[in-house]
Amino acid sequence: MSKFSDFAHLGTTTHETVAETTAPPVAPPVAPTPPEPVVSTEAPPTTPPGYENPLDEMPVAVAPSAEAEAFSLDDLQWMSKIRLEEIGRSLGVELDRRLSQPKLVRQLKEVIEQQQD
């Protein structure tokens, strides 16, 4: 019985009397059974499948040699640092690409002029 019904001098309500008299017994929760493990009937492969690298069949980019391509000393100032380094290597000089492009051009021009003398 609720406190309001006691205060109002009311009798018990139907839901209060049913709940007090007919409470069903509480059963313990039942855990579900786990599924059966899946067993494979196939034998595992003895060797891993072959792997083919698609890069093995690709052509390799080869830079043209600096000696085969004619260039003038004025063209050097328009070349990239990488191209200048390739030309320097073909002439037997290792240029440092950390330097600026104008400095690399200056060094390369000096080497070319020394070799021409």
PDB file of N, CA and C in Angstrom:
ATOM      1  N   MET A   1       0.839  -1.167   0.000  1.00  0.00           N
ATOM      2  CA  MET A   1       0.000   0.000   0.000  1.00  0.00           C
ATOM      3  C   MET A   1       0.888   1.235   0.000  1.00  0.00           C
ATOM      4  N   SER A   2       0.467   2.270  -0.727  1.00  0.00           N
ATOM      5  CA  SER A   2       1.279   3.471  -0.819  1.00  0.00           C
ATOM      6  C   SER A   2       0.969   4.407   0.333  1.00  0.00           C
ATOM      7  N   LYS A   3       1.828   5.350   0.539  1.00  0.00           N
ATOM      8  CA  LYS A   3       1.638   6.297   1.642  1.00  0.00           C
ATOM      9  C   LYS A   3       0.448   7.216   1.382  1.00  0.00           C
ATOM     10  N   PHE A   4       0.219   7.555   0.089  1.00  0.00           N
ATOM     11  CA  PHE A   4      -0.924   8.411  -0.219  1.00  0.00           C
ATOM     12  C   PHE A   4      -2.240   7.731   0.123  1.00  0.00           C
ATOM     13  N   SER A   5      -2.322   6.426  -0.218  1.00  0.00           N
ATOM     14  CA  SER A   5      -3.583   5.722   0.082  1.00  0.00           C
ATOM     15  C   SER A   5      -3.779   5.581   1.596  1.00  0.00           C
ATOM     16  N   ASP A   6      -2.694   5.469   2.363  1.00  0.00           N
ATOM     17  CA  ASP A   6      -2.826   5.443   3.815  1.00  0.00           C
ATOM     18  C   ASP A   6      -3.312   6.787   4.342  1.00  0.00           C
ATOM     19  N   PHE A   7      -2.789   7.871   3.806  1.00  0.00           N
ATOM     20  CA  PHE A   7      -3.148   9.201   4.262  1.00  0.00           C
ATOM     21  C   PHE A   7      -4.586   9.546   3.898  1.00  0.00           C
ATOM     22  N   ALA A   8      -5.002   9.096   2.696  1.00  0.00           N
ATOM     23  CA  ALA A   8      -6.357   9.401   2.236  1.00  0.00           C
ATOM     24  C   ALA A   8      -7.374   8.398   2.760  1.00  0.00           C
ATOM     25  N   HIS A   9      -6.947   7.425   3.547  1.00  0.00           N
ATOM     26  CA  HIS A   9      -7.803   6.378   4.083  1.00  0.00           C
ATOM     27  C   HIS A   9      -8.504   5.610   2.984  1.00  0.00           C
ATOM     28  N   LEU A  10      -7.715   5.314   1.930  1.00  0.00           N
ATOM     29  CA  LEU A  10      -8.238   4.521   0.832  1.00  0.00           C
ATOM     30  C   LEU A  10      -7.796   3.088   1.015  1.00  0.00           C
ATOM     31  N   GLY A  11      -8.516   2.195   0.436  1.00  0.00           N
ATOM     32  CA  GLY A  11      -8.137   0.794   0.490  1.00  0.00           C
ATOM     33  C   GLY A  11      -6.988   0.523  -0.493  1.00  0.00           C
ATOM     34  N   THR A  12      -6.589  -0.667  -0.545  1.00  0.00           N
ATOM     35  CA  THR A  12      -5.494  -1.021  -1.452  1.00  0.00           C
ATOM     36  C   THR A  12      -5.997  -1.084  -2.880  1.00  0.00           C
ATOM     37  N   THR A  13      -5.145  -0.805  -3.808  1.00  0.00           N
ATOM     38  CA  THR A  13      -5.517  -0.871  -5.217  1.00  0.00           C
ATOM     39  C   THR A  13      -5.237  -2.262  -5.736  1.00  0.00           C
ATOM     40  N   THR A  14      -5.705  -2.538  -6.920  1.00  0.00           N
ATOM     41  CA  THR A  14      -5.575  -3.885  -7.455  1.00  0.00           C
ATOM     42  C   THR A  14      -4.127  -4.237  -7.770  1.00  0.00           C
ATOM     43  N   HIS A  15      -3.372  -3.308  -8.248  1.00  0.00           N
ATOM     44  CA  HIS A  15      -1.988  -3.633  -8.582  1.00  0.00           C
ATOM     45  C   HIS A  15      -1.147  -3.877  -7.327  1.00  0.00           C
ATOM     46  N   GLU A  16      -1.545  -3.254  -6.194  1.00  0.00           N
ATOM     47  CA  GLU A  16      -0.799  -3.488  -4.970  1.00  0.00           C
ATOM     48  C   GLU A  16      -1.111  -4.861  -4.393  1.00  0.00           C
ATOM     49  N   THR A  17      -2.354  -5.272  -4.468  1.00  0.00           N
ATOM     50  CA  THR A  17      -2.707  -6.558  -3.888  1.00  0.00           C
ATOM     51  C   THR A  17      -2.184  -7.709  -4.726  1.00  0.00           C
ATOM     52  N   VAL A  18      -2.166  -7.566  -6.045  1.00  0.00           N
ATOM     53  CA  VAL A  18      -1.678  -8.616  -6.916  1.00  0.00           C
ATOM     54  C   VAL A  18      -0.173  -8.771  -6.755  1.00  0.00           C
ATOM     55  N   ALA A  19       0.523  -7.656  -6.647  1.00  0.00           N
ATOM     56  CA  ALA A  19       1.977  -7.701  -6.531  1.00  0.00           C
ATOM     57  C   ALA A  19       2.384  -8.344  -5.210  1.00  0.00           C
ATOM     58  N   GLU A  20       1.630  -8.131  -4.152  1.00  0.00           N
ATOM     59  CA  GLU A  20       1.992  -8.679  -2.865  1.00  0.00           C
ATOM     60  C   GLU A  20       1.653 -10.161  -2.746  1.00  0.00           C
ATOM     61  N   THR A  21       0.595 -10.591  -3.376  1.00  0.00           N
ATOM     62  CA  THR A  21       0.144 -11.959  -3.176  1.00  0.00           C
ATOM     63  C   THR A  21       0.691 -12.947  -4.190  1.00  0.00           C
ATOM     64  N   THR A  22       0.882 -12.539  -5.431  1.00  0.00           N
ATOM     65  CA  THR A  22       1.277 -13.502  -6.469  1.00  0.00           C
ATOM     66  C   THR A  22       2.623 -13.129  -7.085  1.00  0.00           C
ATOM     67  N   ALA A  23       3.646 -13.137  -6.343  1.00  0.00           N
ATOM     68  CA  ALA A  23       4.982 -12.869  -6.881  1.00  0.00           C
ATOM     69  C   ALA A  23       5.558 -14.170  -7.423  1.00  0.00           C
ATOM     70  N   PRO A  24       5.904 -14.205  -8.711  1.00  0.00           N
ATOM     71  CA  PRO A  24       6.445 -15.451  -9.270  1.00  0.00           C
ATOM     72  C   PRO A  24       7.857 -15.697  -8.741  1.00  0.00           C
ATOM     73  N   PRO A  25       8.226 -16.954  -8.610  1.00  0.00           N
ATOM     74  CA  PRO A  25       9.587 -17.239  -8.137  1.00  0.00           C
ATOM     75  C   PRO A  25      10.619 -16.810  -9.198  1.00  0.00           C
ATOM     76  N   VAL A  26      11.724 -16.299  -8.738  1.00  0.00           N
ATOM     77  CA  VAL A  26      12.776 -15.804  -9.630  1.00  0.00           C
ATOM     78  C   VAL A  26      13.732 -16.953  -9.917  1.00  0.00           C
ATOM     79  N   ALA A  27      13.884 -17.268 -11.201  1.00  0.00           N
ATOM     80  CA  ALA A  27      14.793 -18.344 -11.598  1.00  0.00           C
ATOM     81  C   ALA A  27      16.173 -17.749 -11.877  1.00  0.00           C
ATOM     82  N   PRO A  28      17.230 -18.491 -11.583  1.00  0.00           N
ATOM     83  CA  PRO A  28      18.566 -17.961 -11.870  1.00  0.00           C
ATOM     84  C   PRO A  28      18.760 -17.849 -13.394  1.00  0.00           C
ATOM     85  N   PRO A  29      19.510 -16.844 -13.838  1.00  0.00           N
ATOM     86  CA  PRO A  29      19.706 -16.672 -15.278  1.00  0.00           C
ATOM     87  C   PRO A  29      20.502 -17.848 -15.857  1.00  0.00           C
ATOM     88  N   VAL A  30      20.112 -18.246 -17.043  1.00  0.00           N
ATOM     89  CA  VAL A  30      20.757 -19.368 -17.709  1.00  0.00           C
ATOM     90  C   VAL A  30      21.698 -18.817 -18.770  1.00  0.00           C
ATOM     91  N   ALA A  31      22.954 -19.218 -18.702  1.00  0.00           N
ATOM     92  CA  ALA A  31      23.934 -18.760 -19.690  1.00  0.00           C
ATOM     93  C   ALA A  31      23.720 -19.521 -20.993  1.00  0.00           C
ATOM     94  N   PRO A  32      23.804 -18.824 -22.124  1.00  0.00           N
ATOM     95  CA  PRO A  32      23.638 -19.522 -23.399  1.00  0.00           C
ATOM     96  C   PRO A  32      24.833 -20.445 -23.653  1.00  0.00           C
ATOM     97  N   THR A  33      24.562 -21.520 -24.309  1.00  0.00           N
ATOM     98  CA  THR A  33      25.642 -22.463 -24.605  1.00  0.00           C
ATOM     99  C   THR A  33      26.484 -21.918 -25.758  1.00  0.00           C
ATOM    100  N   PRO A  34      27.797 -22.038 -25.674  1.00  0.00           N
ATOM    101  CA  PRO A  34      28.640 -21.514 -26.748  1.00  0.00           C
ATOM    102  C   PRO A  34      28.501 -22.364 -28.005  1.00  0.00           C
ATOM    103  N   PRO A  35      28.698 -21.757 -29.166  1.00  0.00           N
ATOM    104  CA  PRO A  35      28.582 -22.527 -30.405  1.00  0.00           C
ATOM    105  C   PRO A  35      29.728 -23.528 -30.524  1.00  0.00           C
ATOM    106  N   GLU A  36      29.497 -24.557 -31.304  1.00  0.00           N
ATOM    107  CA  GLU A  36      30.519 -25.574 -31.524  1.00  0.00           C
ATOM    108  C   GLU A  36      31.659 -24.983 -32.346  1.00  0.00           C
ATOM    109  N   PRO A  37      32.909 -25.357 -32.059  1.00  0.00           N
ATOM    110  CA  PRO A  37      34.020 -24.819 -32.849  1.00  0.00           C
ATOM    111  C   PRO A  37      33.989 -25.368 -34.268  1.00  0.00           C
ATOM    112  N   VAL A  38      34.419 -24.518 -35.216  1.00  0.00           N
ATOM    113  CA  VAL A  38      34.460 -24.909 -36.614  1.00  0.00           C
ATOM    114  C   VAL A  38      35.788 -25.592 -36.869  1.00  0.00           C
ATOM    115  N   VAL A  39      35.718 -26.814 -37.368  1.00  0.00           N
ATOM    116  CA  VAL A  39      36.927 -27.578 -37.644  1.00  0.00           C
ATOM    117  C   VAL A  39      37.050 -27.722 -39.149  1.00  0.00           C
ATOM    118  N   SER A  40      38.190 -27.292 -39.689  1.00  0.00           N
ATOM    119  CA  SER A  40      38.425 -27.384 -41.123  1.00  0.00           C
ATOM    120  C   SER A  40      38.940 -28.773 -41.462  1.00  0.00           C
ATOM    121  N   THR A  41      38.406 -29.343 -42.534  1.00  0.00           N
ATOM    122  CA  THR A  41      38.859 -30.658 -42.960  1.00  0.00           C
ATOM    123  C   THR A  41      39.992 -30.568 -43.972  1.00  0.00           C
ATOM    124  N   GLU A  42      40.265 -29.344 -44.469  1.00  0.00           N
ATOM    125  CA  GLU A  42      41.344 -29.171 -45.439  1.00  0.00           C
ATOM    126  C   GLU A  42      42.682 -29.096 -44.724  1.00  0.00           C
ATOM    127  N   ALA A  43      43.704 -29.634 -45.363  1.00  0.00           N
ATOM    128  CA  ALA A  43      45.051 -29.563 -44.801  1.00  0.00           C
ATOM    129  C   ALA A  43      45.635 -28.178 -45.092  1.00  0.00           C
ATOM    130  N   PRO A  44      46.404 -27.614 -44.165  1.00  0.00           N
ATOM    131  CA  PRO A  44      47.002 -26.310 -44.431  1.00  0.00           C
ATOM    132  C   PRO A  44      48.028 -26.418 -45.554  1.00  0.00           C
ATOM    133  N   PRO A  45      48.213 -25.352 -46.330  1.00  0.00           N
ATOM    134  CA  PRO A  45      49.186 -25.411 -47.421  1.00  0.00           C
ATOM    135  C   PRO A  45      50.600 -25.565 -46.865  1.00  0.00           C
ATOM    136  N   THR A  46      51.392 -26.373 -47.544  1.00  0.00           N
ATOM    137  CA  THR A  46      52.750 -26.615 -47.063  1.00  0.00           C
ATOM    138  C   THR A  46      53.696 -25.496 -47.465  1.00  0.00           C
ATOM    139  N   THR A  47      53.461 -24.860 -48.588  1.00  0.00           N
ATOM    140  CA  THR A  47      54.304 -23.740 -49.013  1.00  0.00           C
ATOM    141  C   THR A  47      53.415 -22.528 -49.229  1.00  0.00           C
ATOM    142  N   PRO A  48      53.915 -21.348 -48.915  1.00  0.00           N
ATOM    143  CA  PRO A  48      53.106 -20.149 -49.140  1.00  0.00           C
ATOM    144  C   PRO A  48      52.937 -19.913 -50.635  1.00  0.00           C
ATOM    145  N   PRO A  49      51.842 -19.288 -51.012  1.00  0.00           N
ATOM    146  CA  PRO A  49      51.646 -19.014 -52.439  1.00  0.00           C
ATOM    147  C   PRO A  49      52.725 -18.065 -52.942  1.00  0.00           C
ATOM    148  N   GLY A  50      53.070 -18.198 -54.190  1.00  0.00           N
ATOM    149  CA  GLY A  50      54.113 -17.366 -54.777  1.00  0.00           C
ATOM    150  C   GLY A  50      53.668 -15.921 -54.894  1.00  0.00           C
ATOM    151  N   TYR A  51      54.577 -15.031 -54.640  1.00  0.00           N
ATOM    152  CA  TYR A  51      54.287 -13.607 -54.735  1.00  0.00           C
ATOM    153  C   TYR A  51      55.065 -13.037 -55.899  1.00  0.00           C
ATOM    154  N   GLU A  52      54.362 -12.387 -56.792  1.00  0.00           N
ATOM    155  CA  GLU A  52      55.011 -11.745 -57.925  1.00  0.00           C
ATOM    156  C   GLU A  52      54.954 -10.247 -57.713  1.00  0.00           C
ATOM    157  N   ASN A  53      56.105  -9.645 -57.688  1.00  0.00           N
ATOM    158  CA  ASN A  53      56.190  -8.207 -57.497  1.00  0.00           C
ATOM    159  C   ASN A  53      55.949  -7.527 -58.838  1.00  0.00           C
ATOM    160  N   PRO A  54      54.923  -6.689 -58.960  1.00  0.00           N
ATOM    161  CA  PRO A  54      54.660  -6.038 -60.245  1.00  0.00           C
ATOM    162  C   PRO A  54      55.760  -5.054 -60.632  1.00  0.00           C
ATOM    163  N   LEU A  55      56.561  -4.614 -59.671  1.00  0.00           N
ATOM    164  CA  LEU A  55      57.628  -3.672 -59.998  1.00  0.00           C
ATOM    165  C   LEU A  55      58.803  -4.348 -60.686  1.00  0.00           C
ATOM    166  N   ASP A  56      58.897  -5.687 -60.589  1.00  0.00           N
ATOM    167  CA  ASP A  56      60.002  -6.390 -61.236  1.00  0.00           C
ATOM    168  C   ASP A  56      59.935  -6.293 -62.751  1.00  0.00           C
ATOM    169  N   GLU A  57      58.736  -6.170 -63.298  1.00  0.00           N
ATOM    170  CA  GLU A  57      58.577  -6.153 -64.735  1.00  0.00           C
ATOM    171  C   GLU A  57      58.560  -4.750 -65.318  1.00  0.00           C
ATOM    172  N   MET A  58      58.561  -3.739 -64.465  1.00  0.00           N
ATOM    173  CA  MET A  58      58.519  -2.364 -64.961  1.00  0.00           C
ATOM    174  C   MET A  58      59.894  -1.938 -65.471  1.00  0.00           C
ATOM    175  N   PRO A  59      59.921  -1.130 -66.503  1.00  0.00           N
ATOM    176  CA  PRO A  59      61.213  -0.665 -66.993  1.00  0.00           C
ATOM    177  C   PRO A  59      61.851   0.296 -66.005  1.00  0.00           C
ATOM    178  N   VAL A  60      63.156   0.294 -65.970  1.00  0.00           N
ATOM    179  CA  VAL A  60      63.905   1.155 -65.068  1.00  0.00           C
ATOM    180  C   VAL A  60      64.270   2.423 -65.822  1.00  0.00           C
ATOM    181  N   ALA A  61      64.038   3.555 -65.185  1.00  0.00           N
ATOM    182  CA  ALA A  61      64.367   4.826 -65.815  1.00  0.00           C
ATOM    183  C   ALA A  61      65.872   5.037 -65.740  1.00  0.00           C
ATOM    184  N   VAL A  62      66.479   5.208 -66.889  1.00  0.00           N
ATOM    185  CA  VAL A  62      67.915   5.431 -66.959  1.00  0.00           C
ATOM    186  C   VAL A  62      68.125   6.828 -67.497  1.00  0.00           C
ATOM    187  N   ALA A  63      68.878   7.609 -66.771  1.00  0.00           N
ATOM    188  CA  ALA A  63      69.149   8.973 -67.206  1.00  0.00           C
ATOM    189  C   ALA A  63      70.098   8.947 -68.397  1.00  0.00           C
ATOM    190  N   PRO A  64      69.837   9.768 -69.394  1.00  0.00           N
ATOM    191  CA  PRO A  64      70.762   9.824 -70.520  1.00  0.00           C
ATOM    192  C   PRO A  64      72.097  10.399 -70.069  1.00  0.00           C
ATOM    193  N   SER A  65      73.128   9.925 -70.658  1.00  0.00           N
ATOM    194  CA  SER A  65      74.448  10.395 -70.243  1.00  0.00           C
ATOM    195  C   SER A  65      74.621  11.851 -70.662  1.00  0.00           C
ATOM    196  N   ALA A  66      75.348  12.582 -69.869  1.00  0.00           N
ATOM    197  CA  ALA A  66      75.549  14.007 -70.131  1.00  0.00           C
ATOM    198  C   ALA A  66      76.441  14.214 -71.348  1.00  0.00           C
ATOM    199  N   GLU A  67      77.296  13.261 -71.620  1.00  0.00           N
ATOM    200  CA  GLU A  67      78.182  13.405 -72.764  1.00  0.00           C
ATOM    201  C   GLU A  67      77.428  13.246 -74.073  1.00  0.00           C
ATOM    202  N   ALA A  68      76.383  12.432 -74.092  1.00  0.00           N
ATOM    203  CA  ALA A  68      75.636  12.212 -75.318  1.00  0.00           C
ATOM    204  C   ALA A  68      74.788  13.428 -75.663  1.00  0.00           C
ATOM    205  N   GLU A  69      74.368  14.162 -74.662  1.00  0.00           N
ATOM    206  CA  GLU A  69      73.527  15.333 -74.893  1.00  0.00           C
ATOM    207  C   GLU A  69      74.395  16.578 -74.898  1.00  0.00           C
ATOM    208  N   ALA A  70      74.347  17.307 -75.970  1.00  0.00           N
ATOM    209  CA  ALA A  70      75.155  18.521 -76.072  1.00  0.00           C
ATOM    210  C   ALA A  70      74.464  19.659 -75.330  1.00  0.00           C
ATOM    211  N   PHE A  71      75.254  20.459 -74.635  1.00  0.00           N
ATOM    212  CA  PHE A  71      74.726  21.613 -73.923  1.00  0.00           C
ATOM    213  C   PHE A  71      75.796  22.692 -73.930  1.00  0.00           C
ATOM    214  N   SER A  72      75.356  23.904 -73.830  1.00  0.00           N
ATOM    215  CA  SER A  72      76.311  25.006 -73.757  1.00  0.00           C
ATOM    216  C   SER A  72      76.405  25.460 -72.307  1.00  0.00           C
ATOM    217  N   LEU A  73      77.413  26.271 -72.035  1.00  0.00           N
ATOM    218  CA  LEU A  73      77.585  26.765 -70.667  1.00  0.00           C
ATOM    219  C   LEU A  73      76.444  27.689 -70.260  1.00  0.00           C
ATOM    220  N   ASP A  74      75.811  28.330 -71.236  1.00  0.00           N
ATOM    221  CA  ASP A  74      74.672  29.204 -70.918  1.00  0.00           C
ATOM    222  C   ASP A  74      73.428  28.396 -70.528  1.00  0.00           C
ATOM    223  N   ASP A  75      73.343  27.142 -71.008  1.00  0.00           N
ATOM    224  CA  ASP A  75      72.190  26.298 -70.673  1.00  0.00           C
ATOM    225  C   ASP A  75      72.238  25.813 -69.227  1.00  0.00           C
ATOM    226  N   LEU A  76      73.412  25.826 -68.617  1.00  0.00           N
ATOM    227  CA  LEU A  76      73.544  25.303 -67.253  1.00  0.00           C
ATOM    228  C   LEU A  76      72.696  26.070 -66.251  1.00  0.00           C
ATOM    229  N   GLN A  77      72.535  27.354 -66.453  1.00  0.00           N
ATOM    230  CA  GLN A  77      71.791  28.151 -65.475  1.00  0.00           C
ATOM    231  C   GLN A  77      70.300  27.817 -65.472  1.00  0.00           C
ATOM    232  N   TRP A  78      69.805  27.150 -66.508  1.00  0.00           N
ATOM    233  CA  TRP A  78      68.391  26.783 -66.571  1.00  0.00           C
ATOM    234  C   TRP A  78      68.140  25.331 -66.171  1.00  0.00           C
ATOM    235  N   MET A  79      69.184  24.589 -65.844  1.00  0.00           N
ATOM    236  CA  MET A  79      69.040  23.176 -65.484  1.00  0.00           C
ATOM    237  C   MET A  79      68.767  23.023 -63.992  1.00  0.00           C
ATOM    238  N   SER A  80      68.155  21.911 -63.671  1.00  0.00           N
ATOM    239  CA  SER A  80      67.852  21.632 -62.255  1.00  0.00           C
ATOM    240  C   SER A  80      69.120  21.179 -61.539  1.00  0.00           C
ATOM    241  N   LYS A  81      69.064  21.193 -60.225  1.00  0.00           N
ATOM    242  CA  LYS A  81      70.208  20.766 -59.420  1.00  0.00           C
ATOM    243  C   LYS A  81      70.520  19.296 -59.644  1.00  0.00           C
ATOM    244  N   ILE A  82      69.497  18.492 -59.846  1.00  0.00           N
ATOM    245  CA  ILE A  82      69.711  17.066 -60.092  1.00  0.00           C
ATOM    246  C   ILE A  82      70.414  16.862 -61.423  1.00  0.00           C
ATOM    247  N   ARG A  83      69.969  17.592 -62.438  1.00  0.00           N
ATOM    248  CA  ARG A  83      70.596  17.478 -63.758  1.00  0.00           C
ATOM    249  C   ARG A  83      72.044  17.965 -63.703  1.00  0.00           C
ATOM    250  N   LEU A  84      72.289  19.028 -62.963  1.00  0.00           N
ATOM    251  CA  LEU A  84      73.663  19.532 -62.818  1.00  0.00           C
ATOM    252  C   LEU A  84      74.539  18.494 -62.125  1.00  0.00           C
ATOM    253  N   GLU A  85      73.986  17.817 -61.137  1.00  0.00           N
ATOM    254  CA  GLU A  85      74.748  16.782 -60.441  1.00  0.00           C
ATOM    255  C   GLU A  85      75.070  15.630 -61.393  1.00  0.00           C
ATOM    256  N   GLU A  86      74.117  15.247 -62.244  1.00  0.00           N
ATOM    257  CA  GLU A  86      74.371  14.180 -63.220  1.00  0.00           C
ATOM    258  C   GLU A  86      75.479  14.567 -64.190  1.00  0.00           C
ATOM    259  N   ILE A  87      75.464  15.797 -64.644  1.00  0.00           N
ATOM    260  CA  ILE A  87      76.511  16.267 -65.560  1.00  0.00           C
ATOM    261  C   ILE A  87      77.856  16.270 -64.846  1.00  0.00           C
ATOM    262  N   GLY A  88      77.864  16.726 -63.615  1.00  0.00           N
ATOM    263  CA  GLY A  88      79.100  16.739 -62.839  1.00  0.00           C
ATOM    264  C   GLY A  88      79.657  15.337 -62.644  1.00  0.00           C
ATOM    265  N   ARG A  89      78.799  14.367 -62.376  1.00  0.00           N
ATOM    266  CA  ARG A  89      79.261  12.988 -62.219  1.00  0.00           C
ATOM    267  C   ARG A  89      79.851  12.444 -63.513  1.00  0.00           C
ATOM    268  N   SER A  90      79.239  12.797 -64.642  1.00  0.00           N
ATOM    269  CA  SER A  90      79.784  12.310 -65.918  1.00  0.00           C
ATOM    270  C   SER A  90      81.155  12.933 -66.195  1.00  0.00           C
ATOM    271  N   LEU A  91      81.412  14.087 -65.606  1.00  0.00           N
ATOM    272  CA  LEU A  91      82.721  14.743 -65.778  1.00  0.00           C
ATOM    273  C   LEU A  91      83.694  14.350 -64.669  1.00  0.00           C
ATOM    274  N   GLY A  92      83.257  13.549 -63.721  1.00  0.00           N
ATOM    275  CA  GLY A  92      84.133  13.095 -62.651  1.00  0.00           C
ATOM    276  C   GLY A  92      84.144  13.994 -61.429  1.00  0.00           C
ATOM    277  N   VAL A  93      83.133  14.810 -61.271  1.00  0.00           N
ATOM    278  CA  VAL A  93      83.056  15.744 -60.140  1.00  0.00           C
ATOM    279  C   VAL A  93      81.771  15.447 -59.374  1.00  0.00           C
ATOM    280  N   GLU A  94      81.881  15.389 -58.054  1.00  0.00           N
ATOM    281  CA  GLU A  94      80.705  15.180 -57.216  1.00  0.00           C
ATOM    282  C   GLU A  94      80.272  16.530 -56.659  1.00  0.00           C
ATOM    283  N   LEU A  95      79.086  16.979 -57.077  1.00  0.00           N
ATOM    284  CA  LEU A  95      78.551  18.260 -56.611  1.00  0.00           C
ATOM    285  C   LEU A  95      77.646  18.030 -55.401  1.00  0.00           C
ATOM    286  N   ASP A  96      77.620  19.004 -54.518  1.00  0.00           N
ATOM    287  CA  ASP A  96      76.806  18.924 -53.314  1.00  0.00           C
ATOM    288  C   ASP A  96      75.480  19.638 -53.582  1.00  0.00           C
ATOM    289  N   ARG A  97      74.395  18.887 -53.637  1.00  0.00           N
ATOM    290  CA  ARG A  97      73.094  19.487 -53.960  1.00  0.00           C
ATOM    291  C   ARG A  97      72.544  20.349 -52.835  1.00  0.00           C
ATOM    292  N   ARG A  98      73.170  20.344 -51.692  1.00  0.00           N
ATOM    293  CA  ARG A  98      72.711  21.228 -50.610  1.00  0.00           C
ATOM    294  C   ARG A  98      73.031  22.683 -50.920  1.00  0.00           C
ATOM    295  N   LEU A  99      73.967  22.893 -51.828  1.00  0.00           N
ATOM    296  CA  LEU A  99      74.291  24.251 -52.242  1.00  0.00           C
ATOM    297  C   LEU A  99      73.208  24.773 -53.175  1.00  0.00           C
ATOM    298  N   SER A 100      73.202  26.083 -53.375  1.00  0.00           N
ATOM    299  CA  SER A 100      72.201  26.677 -54.264  1.00  0.00           C
ATOM    300  C   SER A 100      72.515  26.341 -55.719  1.00  0.00           C
ATOM    301  N   GLN A 101      71.519  26.473 -56.564  1.00  0.00           N
ATOM    302  CA  GLN A 101      71.687  26.156 -57.980  1.00  0.00           C
ATOM    303  C   GLN A 101      72.712  27.063 -58.649  1.00  0.00           C
ATOM    304  N   PRO A 102      72.732  28.361 -58.392  1.00  0.00           N
ATOM    305  CA  PRO A 102      73.770  29.203 -59.010  1.00  0.00           C
ATOM    306  C   PRO A 102      75.193  28.802 -58.586  1.00  0.00           C
ATOM    307  N   LYS A 103      75.371  28.369 -57.341  1.00  0.00           N
ATOM    308  CA  LYS A 103      76.690  27.929 -56.899  1.00  0.00           C
ATOM    309  C   LYS A 103      77.103  26.642 -57.616  1.00  0.00           C
ATOM    310  N   LEU A 104      76.152  25.744 -57.824  1.00  0.00           N
ATOM    311  CA  LEU A 104      76.455  24.512 -58.553  1.00  0.00           C
ATOM    312  C   LEU A 104      76.832  24.824 -59.999  1.00  0.00           C
ATOM    313  N   VAL A 105      76.140  25.778 -60.612  1.00  0.00           N
ATOM    314  CA  VAL A 105      76.461  26.168 -61.991  1.00  0.00           C
ATOM    315  C   VAL A 105      77.869  26.740 -62.043  1.00  0.00           C
ATOM    316  N   ARG A 106      78.204  27.578 -61.077  1.00  0.00           N
ATOM    317  CA  ARG A 106      79.537  28.188 -61.027  1.00  0.00           C
ATOM    318  C   ARG A 106      80.623  27.103 -60.902  1.00  0.00           C
ATOM    319  N   GLN A 107      80.407  26.143 -59.998  1.00  0.00           N
ATOM    320  CA  GLN A 107      81.390  25.062 -59.823  1.00  0.00           C
ATOM    321  C   GLN A 107      81.525  24.231 -61.095  1.00  0.00           C
ATOM    322  N   LEU A 108      80.412  23.932 -61.734  1.00  0.00           N
ATOM    323  CA  LEU A 108      80.440  23.110 -62.938  1.00  0.00           C
ATOM    324  C   LEU A 108      81.128  23.844 -64.087  1.00  0.00           C
ATOM    325  N   LYS A 109      80.879  25.134 -64.198  1.00  0.00           N
ATOM    326  CA  LYS A 109      81.552  25.917 -65.254  1.00  0.00           C
ATOM    327  C   LYS A 109      83.061  25.922 -65.038  1.00  0.00           C
ATOM    328  N   GLU A 110      83.492  26.027 -63.785  1.00  0.00           N
ATOM    329  CA  GLU A 110      84.926  26.008 -63.496  1.00  0.00           C
ATOM    330  C   GLU A 110      85.541  24.673 -63.900  1.00  0.00           C
ATOM    331  N   VAL A 111      84.868  23.567 -63.610  1.00  0.00           N
ATOM    332  CA  VAL A 111      85.380  22.247 -63.941  1.00  0.00           C
ATOM    333  C   VAL A 111      85.455  22.075 -65.467  1.00  0.00           C
ATOM    334  N   ILE A 112      84.421  22.521 -66.172  1.00  0.00           N
ATOM    335  CA  ILE A 112      84.413  22.395 -67.632  1.00  0.00           C
ATOM    336  C   ILE A 112      85.534  23.222 -68.254  1.00  0.00           C
ATOM    337  N   GLU A 113      85.708  24.429 -67.734  1.00  0.00           N
ATOM    338  CA  GLU A 113      86.785  25.284 -68.278  1.00  0.00           C
ATOM    339  C   GLU A 113      88.164  24.692 -67.998  1.00  0.00           C
ATOM    340  N   GLN A 114      88.356  24.068 -66.823  1.00  0.00           N
ATOM    341  CA  GLN A 114      89.638  23.442 -66.505  1.00  0.00           C
ATOM    342  C   GLN A 114      89.898  22.255 -67.423  1.00  0.00           C
ATOM    343  N   GLN A 115      88.867  21.494 -67.733  1.00  0.00           N
ATOM    344  CA  GLN A 115      89.051  20.331 -68.591  1.00  0.00           C
ATOM    345  C   GLN A 115      89.295  20.739 -70.039  1.00  0.00           C
ATOM    346  N   GLN A 116      88.803  21.893 -70.461  1.00  0.00           N
ATOM    347  CA  GLN A 116      89.021  22.361 -71.835  1.00  0.00           C
ATOM    348  C   GLN A 116      90.413  22.911 -72.032  1.00  0.00           C
ATOM    349  N   ASP A 117      91.061  23.367 -70.983  1.00  0.00           N
ATOM    350  CA  ASP A 117      92.409  23.938 -71.102  1.00  0.00           C
ATOM    351  C   ASP A 117      93.457  22.895 -71.253  1.00  0.00           C
TER     352      ASP A 117
END
